[in-house]
Amino acid sequence: MQLPIVAPAPIVTAHAEIFRDLFENRCQFQHFQNYLTGLIVLDNKSLANMTRCVLESADKTNLSRFFSEAPWFHDRVNDRRLEYLLQQTKAVCGPKADAALILDATLCEHVGSLFDYVDRHDNHGDDTYPLAHNPVTSSYVSDPVRFPVDLRLYRRYEELTQGDAFVQKHFPGRSIPTTQKERARLKIDLGIALCEAAIQHKVPFSVLLFDSWSLAEELGSMARYRKKDWISLLKKNRHLETNSFVLKDAAGTPIRLAGPHIAVDELVPLIPPAAYRAVTVGDPTYWTFPLAVRLPGLGKVRLVVSFKNPELTGTSVVLVTNRVEWGAQRIITLYLQRWPIETFYQDGKTHLGLDEYRMRNAEAIGQHWCLVFVAYSLLHLDCLSPSPTKGSSPLKTIGEACRQQAQALIQALILYAHDRLQLGQRAEDIFTHLFAKQQTVMARC
């Protein structure tokens, strides 16, 4: 048995009015507030459990219709959220030159294939191919301010082109080839769309940060056209033009490189250990070697090869940027801002149900993701210091903010029961009223 919820979470009540005009009537707006509250404070975030726990909620069918039939649009809600967040955080953001838009993707895994666009996707962390949705997201980071901006759902090349169905119909027994390059191309297109959307929303960033899957000529061209800088991880199998740089050995003699190109993983062992320089970013120190080179398709770029120890052991990390004049410290400092998108995914899945939806319709799933973004954003506002200093972090974590909201709702429940006792109601009647919907479910079980 769970404690009943007698009011929206305080953080929802404090900010929800900004979205009021996006819903046609009071009932839709109440569903909006109740769902945000359920995402923030309930462990079980199913529609059925939310309607059981929220005292004044409609039944599960009505809440389900809020996603499947009610005429509200998640893109408008997201537009309003971003407008409100940028207004509320303007005073605490850092300089625009250091603000970044981060591109990344995550997996929302599921059991069963009845969800729209669910498919098997590569989980790079453990080399599995789980059944999942694969949303590509953008996030904004500027000193303590960090929040998700937008989302696009990645769909496999075969699904978009319906190639499998065509081949099976006209060439039975044959399979359609699908390369990793085709999959990456589709994600790059989504990344470009997310960048353009952020610019349209006037998100004040100057640097794009992304993983190696996004590093492509098309994204670089878009960034150049939009006057945005970028930093990316560089895959070790990418080739560099050998006539674009000179690499010297420990004695200062130029090293002769065979062929017009050399792979990054072939270049790194040739760098003499004495060429590395220690760079401290915050607490950690990295041993780095910067080099300006030409990268096919991207032109003149700057690499930074880095190790975590002076012995240069373990796996090296290679960063690349379009800004050939930047030093290793600035490149690493900016790229480390990419970490908040990982904490967003973790917080979104652990605390807010980013991947805990049971809607099968793609539009309803998009609405769920939109409301997770809203819940995260409201909590993040609660985490910010009113007078931050440069380089400061949020005052508390998203998990701590969720627990504080749950504690506030327990206080509201106590006051609710106290007020009714003061009005002369019997404790047994109050208890029956508060737990009526949960007792009905327990009786069925």
Protein backbone atom coordinates (compact mmCIF):
# COMPACT_ATOMS: atom_id res chain seq x y z
CA MET A 1 0.00 0.00 0.00
CA GLN A 2 1.30 3.47 -0.95
CA LEU A 3 0.62 6.83 0.64
CA PRO A 4 -2.13 8.70 -1.23
CA ILE A 5 -1.31 11.98 -2.97
CA VAL A 6 -3.75 14.74 -1.96
CA ALA A 7 -2.26 17.58 -4.03
CA PRO A 8 0.19 18.17 -6.88
CA ALA A 9 3.85 18.28 -5.91
CA PRO A 10 4.81 21.80 -4.73
CA ILE A 11 7.29 22.24 -7.58
CA VAL A 12 4.49 21.46 -10.04
CA THR A 13 2.08 23.89 -8.38
CA ALA A 14 4.76 26.60 -8.42
CA HIS A 15 5.38 26.42 -12.18
CA ALA A 16 2.43 24.66 -13.86
CA GLU A 17 0.42 27.82 -14.52
CA ILE A 18 2.82 28.80 -17.27
CA PHE A 19 1.43 25.86 -19.30
CA ARG A 20 -2.25 26.43 -18.46
CA ASP A 21 -3.36 27.92 -21.79
CA LEU A 22 -1.95 24.93 -23.72
CA PHE A 23 -4.76 22.70 -22.43
CA GLU A 24 -8.39 23.04 -23.44
CA ASN A 25 -10.02 22.57 -20.04
CA ARG A 26 -9.47 22.11 -16.32
CA CYS A 27 -9.51 18.31 -16.54
CA GLN A 28 -6.65 18.21 -19.05
CA PHE A 29 -4.64 20.62 -16.94
CA GLN A 30 -5.28 18.49 -13.86
CA HIS A 31 -4.11 15.37 -15.72
CA PHE A 32 -0.97 17.31 -16.67
CA GLN A 33 -0.24 18.21 -13.04
CA ASN A 34 -1.07 14.74 -11.72
CA TYR A 35 1.15 13.02 -14.26
CA LEU A 36 4.10 15.30 -13.49
CA THR A 37 3.59 14.61 -9.79
CA GLY A 38 3.47 10.86 -10.36
CA LEU A 39 6.67 10.98 -12.40
CA ILE A 40 8.46 12.87 -9.63
CA VAL A 41 7.37 11.00 -6.48
CA LEU A 42 6.07 7.53 -7.37
CA ASP A 43 8.30 4.48 -7.80
CA ASN A 44 5.71 2.75 -10.01
CA LYS A 45 4.97 5.28 -12.76
CA SER A 46 2.28 3.33 -14.64
CA LEU A 47 -0.99 5.07 -15.46
CA ALA A 48 -2.89 2.58 -13.28
CA ASN A 49 -0.71 3.25 -10.24
CA MET A 50 -0.90 7.01 -10.67
CA THR A 51 -4.69 6.95 -10.70
CA ARG A 52 -4.71 4.72 -7.60
CA CYS A 53 -2.41 7.00 -5.64
CA VAL A 54 -3.65 10.46 -6.65
CA LEU A 55 -6.75 11.08 -4.53
CA GLU A 56 -8.60 13.38 -6.90
CA SER A 57 -7.53 11.73 -10.16
CA ALA A 58 -9.84 10.21 -12.74
CA ASP A 59 -9.58 6.51 -13.50
CA LYS A 60 -6.89 4.97 -15.67
CA THR A 61 -9.06 5.15 -18.80
CA ASN A 62 -9.42 8.91 -18.55
CA LEU A 63 -5.70 9.40 -17.95
CA SER A 64 -4.97 7.13 -20.91
CA ARG A 65 -7.23 9.28 -23.09
CA PHE A 66 -5.19 12.31 -22.01
CA PHE A 67 -2.38 10.77 -24.05
CA SER A 68 -4.30 9.10 -26.85
CA GLU A 69 -7.20 11.47 -27.57
CA ALA A 70 -6.89 14.82 -25.78
CA PRO A 71 -5.99 17.63 -28.21
CA TRP A 72 -2.78 18.91 -26.65
CA PHE A 73 0.52 19.04 -28.51
CA HIS A 74 3.82 18.07 -26.96
CA ASP A 75 5.80 20.31 -29.32
CA ARG A 76 3.94 23.35 -27.98
CA VAL A 77 4.53 22.23 -24.41
CA ASN A 78 8.22 21.82 -25.18
CA ASP A 79 8.37 25.26 -26.82
CA ARG A 80 6.83 26.83 -23.71
CA ARG A 81 9.14 24.87 -21.42
CA LEU A 82 12.24 26.11 -23.23
CA GLU A 83 11.00 29.70 -23.34
CA TYR A 84 10.30 29.58 -19.60
CA LEU A 85 13.61 27.87 -18.70
CA LEU A 86 15.70 30.34 -20.68
CA GLN A 87 13.88 33.21 -18.98
CA GLN A 88 14.25 31.72 -15.49
CA THR A 89 17.95 30.83 -15.85
CA LYS A 90 19.16 33.92 -17.70
CA ALA A 91 20.74 35.43 -14.58
CA VAL A 92 22.65 32.26 -13.62
CA CYS A 93 23.96 31.12 -17.01
CA GLY A 94 27.63 31.49 -17.83
CA PRO A 95 29.00 33.34 -20.89
CA LYS A 96 27.60 32.23 -24.22
CA ALA A 97 31.13 31.50 -25.52
CA ASP A 98 31.38 28.64 -23.01
CA ALA A 99 27.80 27.37 -23.33
CA ALA A 100 27.31 24.08 -25.15
CA LEU A 101 24.64 22.05 -26.90
CA ILE A 102 25.23 18.32 -26.41
CA LEU A 103 24.05 15.63 -28.83
CA ASP A 104 23.69 12.03 -27.71
CA ALA A 105 21.39 9.01 -27.86
CA THR A 106 20.08 6.50 -25.34
CA LEU A 107 18.10 3.25 -25.29
CA CYS A 108 14.68 2.86 -23.70
CA GLU A 109 14.43 -0.91 -23.48
CA HIS A 110 11.16 -2.87 -23.59
CA VAL A 111 9.77 -6.37 -23.53
CA GLY A 112 7.43 -7.00 -26.44
CA SER A 113 7.20 -5.67 -29.98
CA LEU A 114 3.78 -3.98 -29.94
CA PHE A 115 5.19 -0.48 -29.38
CA ASP A 116 5.33 1.77 -32.45
CA TYR A 117 8.84 1.87 -33.94
CA VAL A 118 10.38 -0.42 -31.32
CA ASP A 119 13.31 -2.36 -32.76
CA ARG A 120 16.59 -3.99 -31.90
CA HIS A 121 19.41 -1.51 -31.41
CA ASP A 122 23.09 -1.85 -30.64
CA ASN A 123 23.91 -1.32 -26.97
CA HIS A 124 27.53 -0.22 -27.17
CA GLY A 125 28.01 -0.71 -23.43
CA ASP A 126 27.65 -4.51 -23.45
CA ASP A 127 27.54 -5.49 -27.15
CA THR A 128 23.90 -6.60 -27.03
CA TYR A 129 20.96 -5.76 -29.28
CA PRO A 130 17.98 -5.21 -26.97
CA LEU A 131 14.45 -4.42 -28.09
CA ALA A 132 14.20 -0.69 -27.49
CA HIS A 133 13.42 2.81 -28.66
CA ASN A 134 16.50 4.86 -29.51
CA PRO A 135 15.81 8.57 -28.93
CA VAL A 136 18.46 11.09 -29.97
CA THR A 137 18.46 14.11 -27.67
CA SER A 138 20.02 17.55 -27.30
CA SER A 139 20.89 19.14 -23.95
CA TYR A 140 22.03 22.62 -22.96
CA VAL A 141 24.86 23.28 -20.48
CA SER A 142 26.06 26.63 -19.19
CA ASP A 143 27.83 26.56 -15.81
CA PRO A 144 25.21 25.28 -13.29
CA VAL A 145 22.37 25.38 -15.83
CA ARG A 146 21.79 22.06 -17.61
CA PHE A 147 18.57 20.76 -19.11
CA PRO A 148 17.29 18.70 -22.06
CA VAL A 149 16.31 20.73 -25.11
CA ASP A 150 14.66 18.40 -27.61
CA LEU A 151 14.34 14.83 -28.83
CA ARG A 152 14.04 12.93 -32.11
CA LEU A 153 13.31 9.21 -32.35
CA TYR A 154 15.85 7.26 -34.38
CA ARG A 155 14.35 4.64 -36.68
CA ARG A 156 16.41 2.06 -38.48
CA TYR A 157 17.22 2.55 -42.15
CA GLU A 158 15.26 -0.55 -43.19
CA GLU A 159 12.14 0.66 -41.40
CA LEU A 160 12.21 4.14 -42.90
CA THR A 161 12.78 2.89 -46.43
CA GLN A 162 10.60 -0.24 -46.03
CA GLY A 163 13.44 -2.04 -47.77
CA ASP A 164 12.83 -5.37 -46.06
CA ALA A 165 9.22 -5.52 -47.24
CA PHE A 166 10.19 -4.60 -50.80
CA VAL A 167 12.93 -7.23 -51.00
CA GLN A 168 10.75 -9.95 -49.51
CA LYS A 169 7.98 -9.15 -51.99
CA HIS A 170 10.07 -8.98 -55.14
CA PHE A 171 13.15 -11.05 -54.23
CA PRO A 172 12.05 -13.73 -51.74
CA GLY A 173 14.88 -15.47 -49.96
CA ARG A 174 17.29 -12.54 -50.27
CA SER A 175 18.21 -10.07 -47.50
CA ILE A 176 18.81 -6.35 -47.78
CA PRO A 177 22.29 -5.19 -46.75
CA THR A 178 22.47 -2.44 -44.13
CA THR A 179 25.77 -0.80 -43.28
CA GLN A 180 26.77 0.98 -40.11
CA LYS A 181 27.38 4.05 -42.28
CA GLU A 182 23.70 4.19 -43.28
CA ARG A 183 22.63 3.99 -39.63
CA ALA A 184 25.08 6.74 -38.68
CA ARG A 185 23.83 8.91 -41.54
CA LEU A 186 20.29 8.83 -40.20
CA LYS A 187 21.47 9.78 -36.70
CA ILE A 188 23.55 12.60 -38.15
CA ASP A 189 20.41 13.93 -39.86
CA LEU A 190 18.60 13.84 -36.52
CA GLY A 191 21.52 15.63 -34.88
CA ILE A 192 21.38 18.38 -37.49
CA ALA A 193 17.62 18.73 -36.93
CA LEU A 194 18.16 19.03 -33.17
CA CYS A 195 20.81 21.74 -33.69
CA GLU A 196 18.53 23.69 -35.99
CA ALA A 197 15.67 23.38 -33.47
CA ALA A 198 17.88 24.70 -30.65
CA ILE A 199 18.90 27.69 -32.78
CA GLN A 200 15.25 28.32 -33.65
CA HIS A 201 14.42 28.33 -29.93
CA LYS A 202 17.24 30.86 -29.39
CA VAL A 203 19.17 28.61 -27.03
CA PRO A 204 22.34 30.68 -26.36
CA PHE A 205 25.17 28.24 -27.12
CA SER A 206 28.41 28.57 -29.07
CA VAL A 207 29.84 25.03 -28.99
CA LEU A 208 28.45 21.69 -30.15
CA LEU A 209 29.61 18.63 -28.21
CA PHE A 210 28.98 15.15 -29.58
CA ASP A 211 30.20 11.59 -29.71
CA SER A 212 32.14 10.07 -32.59
CA TRP A 213 28.96 8.77 -34.31
CA SER A 214 27.99 12.37 -35.17
CA LEU A 215 31.35 13.43 -36.57
CA ALA A 216 30.57 13.88 -40.25
CA GLU A 217 30.97 16.43 -43.01
CA GLU A 218 27.26 17.30 -42.98
CA LEU A 219 27.20 18.25 -39.31
CA GLY A 220 30.47 20.16 -39.65
CA SER A 221 29.06 22.10 -42.61
CA MET A 222 25.91 22.97 -40.69
CA ALA A 223 27.97 24.17 -37.71
CA ARG A 224 30.15 26.31 -39.98
CA TYR A 225 27.08 27.83 -41.66
CA ARG A 226 25.51 28.58 -38.27
CA LYS A 227 28.84 29.92 -36.91
CA LYS A 228 29.04 27.28 -34.17
CA ASP A 229 32.21 25.62 -32.98
CA TRP A 230 32.32 21.88 -32.25
CA ILE A 231 34.29 19.28 -30.30
CA SER A 232 33.94 15.54 -30.75
CA LEU A 233 35.55 12.27 -29.82
CA LEU A 234 37.52 10.83 -32.72
CA LYS A 235 37.37 7.16 -33.60
CA LYS A 236 40.73 5.45 -33.65
CA ASN A 237 40.12 4.13 -37.18
CA ARG A 238 39.62 7.59 -38.72
CA HIS A 239 42.29 8.56 -41.24
CA LEU A 240 44.38 11.72 -41.22
CA GLU A 241 46.10 13.31 -44.22
CA THR A 242 49.84 12.73 -43.71
CA ASN A 243 50.91 15.75 -45.79
CA SER A 244 49.04 18.10 -43.43
CA PHE A 245 51.37 17.76 -40.42
CA VAL A 246 54.91 16.94 -39.35
CA LEU A 247 55.52 14.54 -36.45
CA LYS A 248 58.99 14.49 -34.87
CA ASP A 249 60.63 11.77 -32.81
CA ALA A 250 62.35 12.28 -29.42
CA ALA A 251 65.49 13.58 -31.15
CA GLY A 252 63.53 16.17 -33.13
CA THR A 253 63.85 14.35 -36.43
CA PRO A 254 60.71 14.31 -38.64
CA ILE A 255 59.12 10.87 -38.84
CA ARG A 256 58.46 9.69 -42.38
CA LEU A 257 54.88 8.45 -42.80
CA ALA A 258 54.09 6.09 -45.66
CA GLY A 259 51.04 6.73 -47.79
CA PRO A 260 48.67 9.70 -48.06
CA HIS A 261 46.71 8.74 -44.91
CA ILE A 262 47.38 7.30 -41.47
CA ALA A 263 44.84 5.96 -38.98
CA VAL A 264 44.68 7.57 -35.53
CA ASP A 265 45.50 4.29 -33.78
CA GLU A 266 48.64 4.04 -35.93
CA LEU A 267 49.66 7.61 -35.19
CA VAL A 268 49.39 7.56 -31.38
CA PRO A 269 52.20 4.99 -30.79
CA LEU A 270 54.55 7.15 -32.89
CA ILE A 271 54.22 10.19 -30.59
CA PRO A 272 57.31 10.41 -28.33
CA PRO A 273 56.44 10.41 -24.60
CA ALA A 274 58.45 13.59 -24.04
CA ALA A 275 56.03 15.45 -26.34
CA TYR A 276 53.13 15.10 -23.89
CA ARG A 277 52.34 17.98 -21.51
CA ALA A 278 50.39 17.87 -18.27
CA VAL A 279 47.11 19.79 -18.30
CA THR A 280 45.00 20.20 -15.16
CA VAL A 281 41.24 20.63 -15.55
CA GLY A 282 39.60 21.02 -12.16
CA ASP A 283 41.08 18.25 -10.00
CA PRO A 284 42.22 15.70 -12.62
CA THR A 285 45.43 16.08 -14.59
CA TYR A 286 45.72 14.79 -18.17
CA TRP A 287 48.85 14.24 -20.24
CA THR A 288 48.14 15.68 -23.67
CA PHE A 289 49.58 16.06 -27.14
CA PRO A 290 47.86 18.57 -29.49
CA LEU A 291 48.28 18.43 -33.26
CA ALA A 292 46.77 20.38 -36.15
CA VAL A 293 45.92 18.07 -39.06
CA ARG A 294 43.59 17.71 -42.00
CA LEU A 295 40.70 15.27 -41.62
CA PRO A 296 39.07 14.10 -44.89
CA GLY A 297 35.66 15.73 -45.25
CA LEU A 298 36.23 18.16 -42.36
CA GLY A 299 39.36 20.05 -43.41
CA LYS A 300 41.84 21.56 -40.96
CA VAL A 301 41.14 20.49 -37.37
CA ARG A 302 42.98 20.20 -34.08
CA LEU A 303 43.47 16.89 -32.28
CA VAL A 304 44.23 16.41 -28.60
CA VAL A 305 45.55 12.97 -27.64
CA SER A 306 45.27 12.49 -23.87
CA PHE A 307 46.12 9.92 -21.20
CA LYS A 308 45.13 9.88 -17.54
CA ASN A 309 48.63 9.13 -16.24
CA PRO A 310 52.22 10.25 -16.94
CA GLU A 311 53.22 6.70 -17.87
CA LEU A 312 50.83 7.01 -20.87
CA THR A 313 49.34 3.61 -20.11
CA GLY A 314 45.76 2.51 -20.58
CA THR A 315 43.42 3.74 -23.28
CA SER A 316 44.05 7.11 -24.88
CA VAL A 317 41.24 9.51 -25.71
CA VAL A 318 41.41 11.61 -28.86
CA LEU A 319 39.36 14.79 -29.13
CA VAL A 320 38.97 16.84 -32.29
CA THR A 321 37.69 20.38 -32.87
CA ASN A 322 37.31 22.82 -35.72
CA ARG A 323 39.14 25.49 -33.67
CA VAL A 324 42.77 24.85 -34.57
CA GLU A 325 43.99 27.70 -32.34
CA TRP A 326 42.47 26.34 -29.11
CA GLY A 327 44.79 24.82 -26.53
CA ALA A 328 44.41 21.39 -24.98
CA GLN A 329 43.10 22.77 -21.68
CA ARG A 330 40.21 24.66 -23.28
CA ILE A 331 39.29 21.74 -25.53
CA ILE A 332 39.20 19.27 -22.64
CA THR A 333 37.42 21.72 -20.32
CA LEU A 334 34.65 22.31 -22.84
CA TYR A 335 34.26 18.65 -23.78
CA LEU A 336 33.92 17.60 -20.15
CA GLN A 337 30.69 19.61 -20.14
CA ARG A 338 29.22 16.70 -22.07
CA TRP A 339 28.88 14.69 -18.84
CA PRO A 340 25.51 16.26 -17.77
CA ILE A 341 23.70 14.51 -20.61
CA GLU A 342 24.78 11.19 -19.09
CA THR A 343 23.46 12.24 -15.67
CA PHE A 344 20.22 13.35 -17.33
CA TYR A 345 19.74 9.90 -18.82
CA GLN A 346 20.54 8.28 -15.48
CA ASP A 347 18.24 10.61 -13.50
CA GLY A 348 15.53 10.39 -16.16
CA LYS A 349 15.47 6.59 -16.01
CA THR A 350 16.10 6.18 -12.27
CA HIS A 351 13.82 8.90 -10.89
CA LEU A 352 11.44 10.12 -13.62
CA GLY A 353 10.46 7.10 -15.71
CA LEU A 354 12.09 8.12 -18.98
CA ASP A 355 11.91 4.48 -20.12
CA GLU A 356 8.95 3.31 -17.97
CA TYR A 357 6.08 4.01 -20.35
CA ARG A 358 3.53 1.48 -21.53
CA MET A 359 1.88 3.52 -24.27
CA ARG A 360 2.13 1.80 -27.63
CA ASN A 361 1.29 4.75 -29.86
CA ALA A 362 4.26 6.83 -31.01
CA GLU A 363 2.46 10.12 -30.41
CA ALA A 364 1.60 9.14 -26.83
CA ILE A 365 5.20 8.01 -26.21
CA GLY A 366 6.40 11.39 -27.46
CA GLN A 367 4.02 13.10 -25.03
CA HIS A 368 5.40 11.00 -22.18
CA TRP A 369 8.98 11.97 -23.05
CA CYS A 370 7.91 15.61 -23.25
CA LEU A 371 6.44 15.49 -19.73
CA VAL A 372 9.58 13.78 -18.40
CA PHE A 373 11.52 16.75 -19.84
CA VAL A 374 9.11 19.12 -18.06
CA ALA A 375 9.45 17.28 -14.73
CA TYR A 376 13.25 17.28 -14.99
CA SER A 377 13.32 20.97 -15.89
CA LEU A 378 11.14 22.03 -12.96
CA LEU A 379 13.26 20.00 -10.56
CA HIS A 380 16.43 21.49 -12.03
CA LEU A 381 15.14 25.00 -11.35
CA ASP A 382 14.71 23.93 -7.73
CA CYS A 383 18.34 22.71 -7.67
CA LEU A 384 19.90 26.03 -8.75
CA SER A 385 21.42 28.51 -6.35
CA PRO A 386 19.84 31.99 -6.53
CA SER A 387 23.33 33.55 -6.60
CA PRO A 388 25.79 31.08 -8.16
CA THR A 389 29.49 31.73 -8.70
CA LYS A 390 31.47 30.88 -11.83
CA GLY A 391 31.95 27.15 -12.18
CA SER A 392 29.38 26.38 -9.51
CA SER A 393 27.23 23.27 -9.59
CA PRO A 394 23.56 22.74 -8.68
CA LEU A 395 22.89 22.79 -4.93
CA LYS A 396 21.40 19.29 -4.92
CA THR A 397 20.83 16.33 -7.17
CA ILE A 398 17.64 15.50 -9.04
CA GLY A 399 17.20 12.49 -6.72
CA GLU A 400 17.39 14.75 -3.66
CA ALA A 401 14.90 17.16 -5.21
CA CYS A 402 12.48 14.27 -5.88
CA ARG A 403 12.75 13.10 -2.28
CA GLN A 404 12.05 16.60 -1.00
CA GLN A 405 8.91 16.75 -3.12
CA ALA A 406 7.79 13.39 -1.70
CA GLN A 407 8.38 14.66 1.85
CA ALA A 408 6.32 17.77 1.11
CA LEU A 409 3.44 15.58 -0.09
CA ILE A 410 3.60 13.54 3.13
CA GLN A 411 3.27 16.80 5.07
CA ALA A 412 0.28 17.75 2.88
CA LEU A 413 -1.31 14.36 3.61
CA ILE A 414 -0.87 14.83 7.37
CA LEU A 415 -2.42 18.30 7.22
CA TYR A 416 -5.27 16.96 5.06
CA ALA A 417 -6.11 14.31 7.66
CA HIS A 418 -5.71 16.83 10.52
CA ASP A 419 -8.12 19.31 8.92
CA ARG A 420 -10.79 16.64 8.51
CA LEU A 421 -10.36 15.44 12.06
CA GLN A 422 -10.83 19.04 13.18
CA LEU A 423 -14.09 19.11 11.20
CA GLY A 424 -15.32 16.13 13.21
CA GLN A 425 -14.81 13.32 10.72
CA ARG A 426 -13.94 9.92 12.16
CA ALA A 427 -10.40 8.61 11.61
CA GLU A 428 -11.82 5.38 10.14
CA ASP A 429 -13.82 7.33 7.54
CA ILE A 430 -10.83 9.47 6.58
CA PHE A 431 -8.66 6.35 6.19
CA THR A 432 -11.31 4.63 4.07
CA HIS A 433 -11.61 7.69 1.82
CA LEU A 434 -7.86 8.08 1.38
CA PHE A 435 -7.18 4.44 0.54
CA ALA A 436 -10.46 3.53 -1.19
CA LYS A 437 -8.95 3.06 -4.66
CA GLN A 438 -5.95 1.10 -3.41
CA GLN A 439 -8.16 -1.18 -1.24
CA THR A 440 -10.34 -1.93 -4.29
CA VAL A 441 -7.27 -3.16 -6.16
CA MET A 442 -6.08 -5.21 -3.17
CA ALA A 443 -9.53 -6.81 -2.86
CA ARG A 444 -9.37 -7.88 -6.52
CA CYS A 445 -5.98 -9.47 -5.92
